Amino acid sequence: MARVKLTVRRLYALRGERMVSTRATARVFVGETLIATEDITGLTESPVSKYLDHDQAEGQPVRVEWDCEGIADMAVVEWHDVHDSRS
């Protein structure tokens, strides 16, 4: 099974001058196929990652699109088990 690593680099909203928790919806694509929709809630300025399994062919472009009620920065990469520290 193929895998994609979704990393939320930052997620927050500004209330006055304070950073507060917010919500984002991420859509992860392999090629032109939507493989996952993730609802993400919280506040982070440090990267947080999640691994998503899929059954699309490996080697296709991967991308993430998101809607956010604040500020967000996300990235995806194709992930292989040789990178996985659990192997």
PDB file of N, CA and C in Angstrom:
ATOM      1  N   MET A   1       0.853  -1.182   0.000  1.00  0.00           N
ATOM      2  CA  MET A   1       0.000   0.000   0.000  1.00  0.00           C
ATOM      3  C   MET A   1       0.898   1.243   0.000  1.00  0.00           C
ATOM      4  N   ALA A   2       0.553   2.224  -0.798  1.00  0.00           N
ATOM      5  CA  ALA A   2       1.308   3.467  -0.887  1.00  0.00           C
ATOM      6  C   ALA A   2       0.899   4.414   0.239  1.00  0.00           C
ATOM      7  N   ARG A   3       1.765   5.394   0.499  1.00  0.00           N
ATOM      8  CA  ARG A   3       1.537   6.319   1.599  1.00  0.00           C
ATOM      9  C   ARG A   3       1.896   7.746   1.228  1.00  0.00           C
ATOM     10  N   VAL A   4       1.201   8.675   1.840  1.00  0.00           N
ATOM     11  CA  VAL A   4       1.499  10.091   1.725  1.00  0.00           C
ATOM     12  C   VAL A   4       1.667  10.630   3.146  1.00  0.00           C
ATOM     13  N   LYS A   5       2.658  11.506   3.311  1.00  0.00           N
ATOM     14  CA  LYS A   5       2.856  12.165   4.605  1.00  0.00           C
ATOM     15  C   LYS A   5       2.304  13.588   4.500  1.00  0.00           C
ATOM     16  N   LEU A   6       1.291  13.891   5.304  1.00  0.00           N
ATOM     17  CA  LEU A   6       0.708  15.228   5.390  1.00  0.00           C
ATOM     18  C   LEU A   6       1.334  15.925   6.589  1.00  0.00           C
ATOM     19  N   THR A   7       1.920  17.093   6.373  1.00  0.00           N
ATOM     20  CA  THR A   7       2.518  17.858   7.462  1.00  0.00           C
ATOM     21  C   THR A   7       1.827  19.209   7.577  1.00  0.00           C
ATOM     22  N   VAL A   8       1.313  19.477   8.766  1.00  0.00           N
ATOM     23  CA  VAL A   8       0.752  20.793   9.078  1.00  0.00           C
ATOM     24  C   VAL A   8       1.893  21.575   9.717  1.00  0.00           C
ATOM     25  N   ARG A   9       2.399  22.556   8.996  1.00  0.00           N
ATOM     26  CA  ARG A   9       3.543  23.343   9.490  1.00  0.00           C
ATOM     27  C   ARG A   9       3.115  24.401  10.490  1.00  0.00           C
ATOM     28  N   ARG A  10       1.964  25.017  10.230  1.00  0.00           N
ATOM     29  CA  ARG A  10       1.388  25.956  11.185  1.00  0.00           C
ATOM     30  C   ARG A  10      -0.109  26.022  11.001  1.00  0.00           C
ATOM     31  N   LEU A  11      -0.772  26.307  12.095  1.00  0.00           N
ATOM     32  CA  LEU A  11      -2.232  26.430  12.103  1.00  0.00           C
ATOM     33  C   LEU A  11      -2.629  27.282  13.304  1.00  0.00           C
ATOM     34  N   TYR A  12      -3.224  28.441  13.019  1.00  0.00           N
ATOM     35  CA  TYR A  12      -3.715  29.291  14.096  1.00  0.00           C
ATOM     36  C   TYR A  12      -4.578  30.398  13.511  1.00  0.00           C
ATOM     37  N   ALA A  13      -5.292  31.070  14.381  1.00  0.00           N
ATOM     38  CA  ALA A  13      -6.039  32.275  14.025  1.00  0.00           C
ATOM     39  C   ALA A  13      -5.551  33.378  14.950  1.00  0.00           C
ATOM     40  N   LEU A  14      -5.738  34.604  14.536  1.00  0.00           N
ATOM     41  CA  LEU A  14      -5.356  35.738  15.373  1.00  0.00           C
ATOM     42  C   LEU A  14      -6.608  36.364  15.974  1.00  0.00           C
ATOM     43  N   ARG A  15      -6.569  36.536  17.262  1.00  0.00           N
ATOM     44  CA  ARG A  15      -7.649  37.232  17.975  1.00  0.00           C
ATOM     45  C   ARG A  15      -6.964  38.379  18.708  1.00  0.00           C
ATOM     46  N   GLY A  16      -7.141  39.573  18.174  1.00  0.00           N
ATOM     47  CA  GLY A  16      -6.354  40.692  18.690  1.00  0.00           C
ATOM     48  C   GLY A  16      -4.902  40.431  18.288  1.00  0.00           C
ATOM     49  N   GLU A  17      -4.042  40.396  19.270  1.00  0.00           N
ATOM     50  CA  GLU A  17      -2.634  40.072  19.001  1.00  0.00           C
ATOM     51  C   GLU A  17      -2.284  38.662  19.456  1.00  0.00           C
ATOM     52  N   ARG A  18      -3.281  37.885  19.883  1.00  0.00           N
ATOM     53  CA  ARG A  18      -3.053  36.527  20.386  1.00  0.00           C
ATOM     54  C   ARG A  18      -3.309  35.488  19.320  1.00  0.00           C
ATOM     55  N   MET A  19      -2.494  34.431  19.316  1.00  0.00           N
ATOM     56  CA  MET A  19      -2.755  33.266  18.466  1.00  0.00           C
ATOM     57  C   MET A  19      -3.695  32.342  19.230  1.00  0.00           C
ATOM     58  N   VAL A  20      -4.731  31.859  18.534  1.00  0.00           N
ATOM     59  CA  VAL A  20      -5.707  30.965  19.147  1.00  0.00           C
ATOM     60  C   VAL A  20      -5.946  29.775  18.222  1.00  0.00           C
ATOM     61  N   SER A  21      -6.531  28.728  18.777  1.00  0.00           N
ATOM     62  CA  SER A  21      -6.861  27.532  17.998  1.00  0.00           C
ATOM     63  C   SER A  21      -7.823  27.874  16.876  1.00  0.00           C
ATOM     64  N   THR A  22      -7.731  27.112  15.795  1.00  0.00           N
ATOM     65  CA  THR A  22      -8.630  27.286  14.669  1.00  0.00           C
ATOM     66  C   THR A  22      -8.899  25.941  14.024  1.00  0.00           C
ATOM     67  N   ARG A  23      -9.597  25.971  12.910  1.00  0.00           N
ATOM     68  CA  ARG A  23      -9.988  24.745  12.208  1.00  0.00           C
ATOM     69  C   ARG A  23      -9.622  24.883  10.742  1.00  0.00           C
ATOM     70  N   ALA A  24      -9.152  23.781  10.145  1.00  0.00           N
ATOM     71  CA  ALA A  24      -8.863  23.738   8.710  1.00  0.00           C
ATOM     72  C   ALA A  24      -9.365  22.413   8.158  1.00  0.00           C
ATOM     73  N   THR A  25      -9.715  22.414   6.886  1.00  0.00           N
ATOM     74  CA  THR A  25     -10.055  21.190   6.174  1.00  0.00           C
ATOM     75  C   THR A  25      -9.037  21.028   5.056  1.00  0.00           C
ATOM     76  N   ALA A  26      -8.292  19.919   5.099  1.00  0.00           N
ATOM     77  CA  ALA A  26      -7.272  19.629   4.090  1.00  0.00           C
ATOM     78  C   ALA A  26      -7.792  18.557   3.142  1.00  0.00           C
ATOM     79  N   ARG A  27      -7.534  18.755   1.858  1.00  0.00           N
ATOM     80  CA  ARG A  27      -7.865  17.766   0.833  1.00  0.00           C
ATOM     81  C   ARG A  27      -6.564  17.318   0.202  1.00  0.00           C
ATOM     82  N   VAL A  28      -6.283  16.013   0.263  1.00  0.00           N
ATOM     83  CA  VAL A  28      -5.018  15.461  -0.222  1.00  0.00           C
ATOM     84  C   VAL A  28      -5.272  14.706  -1.520  1.00  0.00           C
ATOM     85  N   PHE A  29      -4.473  15.016  -2.536  1.00  0.00           N
ATOM     86  CA  PHE A  29      -4.615  14.416  -3.861  1.00  0.00           C
ATOM     87  C   PHE A  29      -3.354  13.655  -4.246  1.00  0.00           C
ATOM     88  N   VAL A  30      -3.554  12.526  -4.911  1.00  0.00           N
ATOM     89  CA  VAL A  30      -2.486  11.799  -5.597  1.00  0.00           C
ATOM     90  C   VAL A  30      -2.882  11.826  -7.063  1.00  0.00           C
ATOM     91  N   GLY A  31      -2.031  12.445  -7.888  1.00  0.00           N
ATOM     92  CA  GLY A  31      -2.455  12.705  -9.258  1.00  0.00           C
ATOM     93  C   GLY A  31      -3.671  13.600  -9.181  1.00  0.00           C
ATOM     94  N   GLU A  32      -4.733  13.259  -9.877  1.00  0.00           N
ATOM     95  CA  GLU A  32      -5.976  14.036  -9.831  1.00  0.00           C
ATOM     96  C   GLU A  32      -7.013  13.400  -8.908  1.00  0.00           C
ATOM     97  N   THR A  33      -6.631  12.347  -8.175  1.00  0.00           N
ATOM     98  CA  THR A  33      -7.563  11.619  -7.315  1.00  0.00           C
ATOM     99  C   THR A  33      -7.495  12.111  -5.876  1.00  0.00           C
ATOM    100  N   LEU A  34      -8.640  12.520  -5.344  1.00  0.00           N
ATOM    101  CA  LEU A  34      -8.743  12.893  -3.934  1.00  0.00           C
ATOM    102  C   LEU A  34      -8.651  11.622  -3.104  1.00  0.00           C
ATOM    103  N   ILE A  35      -7.638  11.533  -2.231  1.00  0.00           N
ATOM    104  CA  ILE A  35      -7.485  10.313  -1.418  1.00  0.00           C
ATOM    105  C   ILE A  35      -7.931  10.505   0.024  1.00  0.00           C
ATOM    106  N   ALA A  36      -8.016  11.777   0.476  1.00  0.00           N
ATOM    107  CA  ALA A  36      -8.421  11.999   1.868  1.00  0.00           C
ATOM    108  C   ALA A  36      -8.884  13.432   2.069  1.00  0.00           C
ATOM    109  N   THR A  37      -9.835  13.579   2.968  1.00  0.00           N
ATOM    110  CA  THR A  37     -10.251  14.883   3.473  1.00  0.00           C
ATOM    111  C   THR A  37     -10.065  14.818   4.983  1.00  0.00           C
ATOM    112  N   GLU A  38      -9.247  15.711   5.501  1.00  0.00           N
ATOM    113  CA  GLU A  38      -8.915  15.703   6.925  1.00  0.00           C
ATOM    114  C   GLU A  38      -9.376  16.998   7.568  1.00  0.00           C
ATOM    115  N   ASP A  39     -10.139  16.896   8.658  1.00  0.00           N
ATOM    116  CA  ASP A  39     -10.497  18.062   9.460  1.00  0.00           C
ATOM    117  C   ASP A  39      -9.460  18.189  10.568  1.00  0.00           C
ATOM    118  N   ILE A  40      -8.845  19.353  10.649  1.00  0.00           N
ATOM    119  CA  ILE A  40      -7.748  19.579  11.591  1.00  0.00           C
ATOM    120  C   ILE A  40      -8.134  20.743  12.491  1.00  0.00           C
ATOM    121  N   THR A  41      -8.012  20.532  13.794  1.00  0.00           N
ATOM    122  CA  THR A  41      -8.356  21.562  14.766  1.00  0.00           C
ATOM    123  C   THR A  41      -7.196  21.725  15.727  1.00  0.00           C
ATOM    124  N   GLY A  42      -6.885  22.959  16.072  1.00  0.00           N
ATOM    125  CA  GLY A  42      -5.846  23.188  17.061  1.00  0.00           C
ATOM    126  C   GLY A  42      -5.051  24.432  16.781  1.00  0.00           C
ATOM    127  N   LEU A  43      -3.865  24.480  17.387  1.00  0.00           N
ATOM    128  CA  LEU A  43      -2.947  25.589  17.243  1.00  0.00           C
ATOM    129  C   LEU A  43      -1.550  24.999  17.237  1.00  0.00           C
ATOM    130  N   THR A  44      -0.767  25.275  16.211  1.00  0.00           N
ATOM    131  CA  THR A  44       0.609  24.813  16.191  1.00  0.00           C
ATOM    132  C   THR A  44       1.473  25.740  15.357  1.00  0.00           C
ATOM    133  N   GLU A  45       2.688  25.952  15.824  1.00  0.00           N
ATOM    134  CA  GLU A  45       3.721  26.621  15.048  1.00  0.00           C
ATOM    135  C   GLU A  45       4.860  25.647  14.797  1.00  0.00           C
ATOM    136  N   SER A  46       4.713  24.420  15.279  1.00  0.00           N
ATOM    137  CA  SER A  46       5.689  23.359  15.059  1.00  0.00           C
ATOM    138  C   SER A  46       5.052  22.308  14.162  1.00  0.00           C
ATOM    139  N   PRO A  47       5.806  21.745  13.210  1.00  0.00           N
ATOM    140  CA  PRO A  47       5.233  20.768  12.284  1.00  0.00           C
ATOM    141  C   PRO A  47       4.647  19.540  12.986  1.00  0.00           C
ATOM    142  N   VAL A  48       3.473  19.137  12.526  1.00  0.00           N
ATOM    143  CA  VAL A  48       2.788  17.929  12.999  1.00  0.00           C
ATOM    144  C   VAL A  48       2.442  17.121  11.755  1.00  0.00           C
ATOM    145  N   SER A  49       2.771  15.821  11.751  1.00  0.00           N
ATOM    146  CA  SER A  49       2.558  15.000  10.554  1.00  0.00           C
ATOM    147  C   SER A  49       1.605  13.851  10.801  1.00  0.00           C
ATOM    148  N   LYS A  50       0.987  13.415   9.720  1.00  0.00           N
ATOM    149  CA  LYS A  50       0.088  12.262   9.725  1.00  0.00           C
ATOM    150  C   LYS A  50       0.350  11.500   8.435  1.00  0.00           C
ATOM    151  N   TYR A  51       0.305  10.174   8.501  1.00  0.00           N
ATOM    152  CA  TYR A  51       0.527   9.331   7.326  1.00  0.00           C
ATOM    153  C   TYR A  51      -0.805   8.799   6.826  1.00  0.00           C
ATOM    154  N   LEU A  52      -1.028   8.922   5.524  1.00  0.00           N
ATOM    155  CA  LEU A  52      -2.288   8.507   4.909  1.00  0.00           C
ATOM    156  C   LEU A  52      -2.010   7.409   3.893  1.00  0.00           C
ATOM    157  N   ASP A  53      -2.625   6.254   4.063  1.00  0.00           N
ATOM    158  CA  ASP A  53      -2.488   5.154   3.108  1.00  0.00           C
ATOM    159  C   ASP A  53      -3.441   5.372   1.940  1.00  0.00           C
ATOM    160  N   HIS A  54      -3.019   4.919   0.763  1.00  0.00           N
ATOM    161  CA  HIS A  54      -3.893   5.011  -0.414  1.00  0.00           C
ATOM    162  C   HIS A  54      -3.554   3.889  -1.381  1.00  0.00           C
ATOM    163  N   ASP A  55      -4.416   3.684  -2.376  1.00  0.00           N
ATOM    164  CA  ASP A  55      -4.209   2.592  -3.324  1.00  0.00           C
ATOM    165  C   ASP A  55      -3.937   3.088  -4.743  1.00  0.00           C
ATOM    166  N   GLN A  56      -3.527   4.346  -4.872  1.00  0.00           N
ATOM    167  CA  GLN A  56      -3.168   4.889  -6.185  1.00  0.00           C
ATOM    168  C   GLN A  56      -1.741   4.468  -6.538  1.00  0.00           C
ATOM    169  N   ALA A  57      -1.388   4.540  -7.816  1.00  0.00           N
ATOM    170  CA  ALA A  57      -0.045   4.183  -8.260  1.00  0.00           C
ATOM    171  C   ALA A  57       0.982   5.144  -7.654  1.00  0.00           C
ATOM    172  N   GLU A  58       2.121   4.596  -7.242  1.00  0.00           N
ATOM    173  CA  GLU A  58       3.195   5.419  -6.699  1.00  0.00           C
ATOM    174  C   GLU A  58       3.836   6.236  -7.812  1.00  0.00           C
ATOM    175  N   GLY A  59       4.531   7.300  -7.438  1.00  0.00           N
ATOM    176  CA  GLY A  59       5.252   8.115  -8.399  1.00  0.00           C
ATOM    177  C   GLY A  59       4.437   9.232  -9.023  1.00  0.00           C
ATOM    178  N   GLN A  60       3.173   9.359  -8.647  1.00  0.00           N
ATOM    179  CA  GLN A  60       2.339  10.440  -9.162  1.00  0.00           C
ATOM    180  C   GLN A  60       2.566  11.704  -8.327  1.00  0.00           C
ATOM    181  N   PRO A  61       2.286  12.867  -8.898  1.00  0.00           N
ATOM    182  CA  PRO A  61       2.388  14.095  -8.096  1.00  0.00           C
ATOM    183  C   PRO A  61       1.388  14.052  -6.939  1.00  0.00           C
ATOM    184  N   VAL A  62       1.796  14.602  -5.816  1.00  0.00           N
ATOM    185  CA  VAL A  62       0.899  14.715  -4.657  1.00  0.00           C
ATOM    186  C   VAL A  62       0.746  16.193  -4.319  1.00  0.00           C
ATOM    187  N   ARG A  63      -0.440  16.556  -3.816  1.00  0.00           N
ATOM    188  CA  ARG A  63      -0.661  17.945  -3.420  1.00  0.00           C
ATOM    189  C   ARG A  63      -1.716  18.010  -2.323  1.00  0.00           C
ATOM    190  N   VAL A  64      -1.716  19.121  -1.626  1.00  0.00           N
ATOM    191  CA  VAL A  64      -2.715  19.371  -0.593  1.00  0.00           C
ATOM    192  C   VAL A  64      -3.316  20.748  -0.845  1.00  0.00           C
ATOM    193  N   GLU A  65      -4.620  20.836  -0.701  1.00  0.00           N
ATOM    194  CA  GLU A  65      -5.354  22.092  -0.759  1.00  0.00           C
ATOM    195  C   GLU A  65      -6.097  22.211   0.564  1.00  0.00           C
ATOM    196  N   TRP A  66      -6.290  23.430   1.043  1.00  0.00           N
ATOM    197  CA  TRP A  66      -6.994  23.560   2.312  1.00  0.00           C
ATOM    198  C   TRP A  66      -7.821  24.833   2.373  1.00  0.00           C
ATOM    199  N   ASP A  67      -8.825  24.774   3.249  1.00  0.00           N
ATOM    200  CA  ASP A  67      -9.628  25.922   3.649  1.00  0.00           C
ATOM    201  C   ASP A  67      -9.374  26.097   5.134  1.00  0.00           C
ATOM    202  N   CYS A  68      -9.216  27.336   5.561  1.00  0.00           N
ATOM    203  CA  CYS A  68      -8.878  27.560   6.959  1.00  0.00           C
ATOM    204  C   CYS A  68      -9.535  28.819   7.482  1.00  0.00           C
ATOM    205  N   GLU A  69      -9.990  28.749   8.717  1.00  0.00           N
ATOM    206  CA  GLU A  69     -10.542  29.908   9.420  1.00  0.00           C
ATOM    207  C   GLU A  69      -9.407  30.596  10.177  1.00  0.00           C
ATOM    208  N   GLY A  70      -8.339  30.947   9.481  1.00  0.00           N
ATOM    209  CA  GLY A  70      -7.170  31.558  10.109  1.00  0.00           C
ATOM    210  C   GLY A  70      -5.973  31.411   9.192  1.00  0.00           C
ATOM    211  N   ILE A  71      -4.833  31.077   9.770  1.00  0.00           N
ATOM    212  CA  ILE A  71      -3.573  30.946   9.040  1.00  0.00           C
ATOM    213  C   ILE A  71      -3.137  29.491   9.074  1.00  0.00           C
ATOM    214  N   ALA A  72      -2.804  28.952   7.903  1.00  0.00           N
ATOM    215  CA  ALA A  72      -2.357  27.555   7.825  1.00  0.00           C
ATOM    216  C   ALA A  72      -1.254  27.436   6.781  1.00  0.00           C
ATOM    217  N   ASP A  73      -0.406  26.463   6.970  1.00  0.00           N
ATOM    218  CA  ASP A  73       0.630  26.109   6.007  1.00  0.00           C
ATOM    219  C   ASP A  73       0.779  24.598   6.089  1.00  0.00           C
ATOM    220  N   MET A  74       0.586  23.907   4.957  1.00  0.00           N
ATOM    221  CA  MET A  74       0.624  22.443   4.921  1.00  0.00           C
ATOM    222  C   MET A  74       1.425  21.976   3.718  1.00  0.00           C
ATOM    223  N   ALA A  75       1.929  20.748   3.816  1.00  0.00           N
ATOM    224  CA  ALA A  75       2.676  20.143   2.709  1.00  0.00           C
ATOM    225  C   ALA A  75       2.419  18.639   2.708  1.00  0.00           C
ATOM    226  N   VAL A  76       2.573  18.018   1.527  1.00  0.00           N
ATOM    227  CA  VAL A  76       2.496  16.562   1.421  1.00  0.00           C
ATOM    228  C   VAL A  76       3.670  16.067   0.595  1.00  0.00           C
ATOM    229  N   VAL A  77       4.108  14.840   0.902  1.00  0.00           N
ATOM    230  CA  VAL A  77       5.132  14.151   0.119  1.00  0.00           C
ATOM    231  C   VAL A  77       4.748  12.690   0.030  1.00  0.00           C
ATOM    232  N   GLU A  78       5.159  12.066  -1.070  1.00  0.00           N
ATOM    233  CA  GLU A  78       5.006  10.614  -1.173  1.00  0.00           C
ATOM    234  C   GLU A  78       5.955  10.007  -0.154  1.00  0.00           C
ATOM    235  N   TRP A  79       5.523   8.972   0.537  1.00  0.00           N
ATOM    236  CA  TRP A  79       6.308   8.394   1.625  1.00  0.00           C
ATOM    237  C   TRP A  79       6.500   6.912   1.374  1.00  0.00           C
ATOM    238  N   HIS A  80       7.722   6.458   1.567  1.00  0.00           N
ATOM    239  CA  HIS A  80       8.052   5.043   1.390  1.00  0.00           C
ATOM    240  C   HIS A  80       8.490   4.465   2.728  1.00  0.00           C
ATOM    241  N   ASP A  81       8.222   3.185   2.943  1.00  0.00           N
ATOM    242  CA  ASP A  81       8.526   2.556   4.227  1.00  0.00           C
ATOM    243  C   ASP A  81       9.997   2.633   4.602  1.00  0.00           C
ATOM    244  N   VAL A  82      10.902   2.778   3.640  1.00  0.00           N
ATOM    245  CA  VAL A  82      12.322   2.903   3.997  1.00  0.00           C
ATOM    246  C   VAL A  82      12.565   4.144   4.840  1.00  0.00           C
ATOM    247  N   HIS A  83      11.673   5.151   4.755  1.00  0.00           N
ATOM    248  CA  HIS A  83      11.765   6.351   5.572  1.00  0.00           C
ATOM    249  C   HIS A  83      11.159   6.145   6.939  1.00  0.00           C
ATOM    250  N   ASP A  84      10.317   5.153   7.059  1.00  0.00           N
ATOM    251  CA  ASP A  84       9.518   4.940   8.257  1.00  0.00           C
ATOM    252  C   ASP A  84      10.380   4.354   9.369  1.00  0.00           C
ATOM    253  N   SER A  85      10.507   5.069  10.474  1.00  0.00           N
ATOM    254  CA  SER A  85      11.337   4.598  11.585  1.00  0.00           C
ATOM    255  C   SER A  85      10.764   3.356  12.258  1.00  0.00           C
ATOM    256  N   ARG A  86       9.509   3.001  11.950  1.00  0.00           N
ATOM    257  CA  ARG A  86       8.907   1.804  12.545  1.00  0.00           C
ATOM    258  C   ARG A  86       9.330   0.547  11.809  1.00  0.00           C
ATOM    259  N   SER A  87       9.973   0.676  10.632  1.00  0.00           N
ATOM    260  CA  SER A  87      10.371  -0.498   9.832  1.00  0.00           C
ATOM    261  C   SER A  87      11.560  -1.188  10.447  1.00  0.00           C
TER     262      SER A  87
END
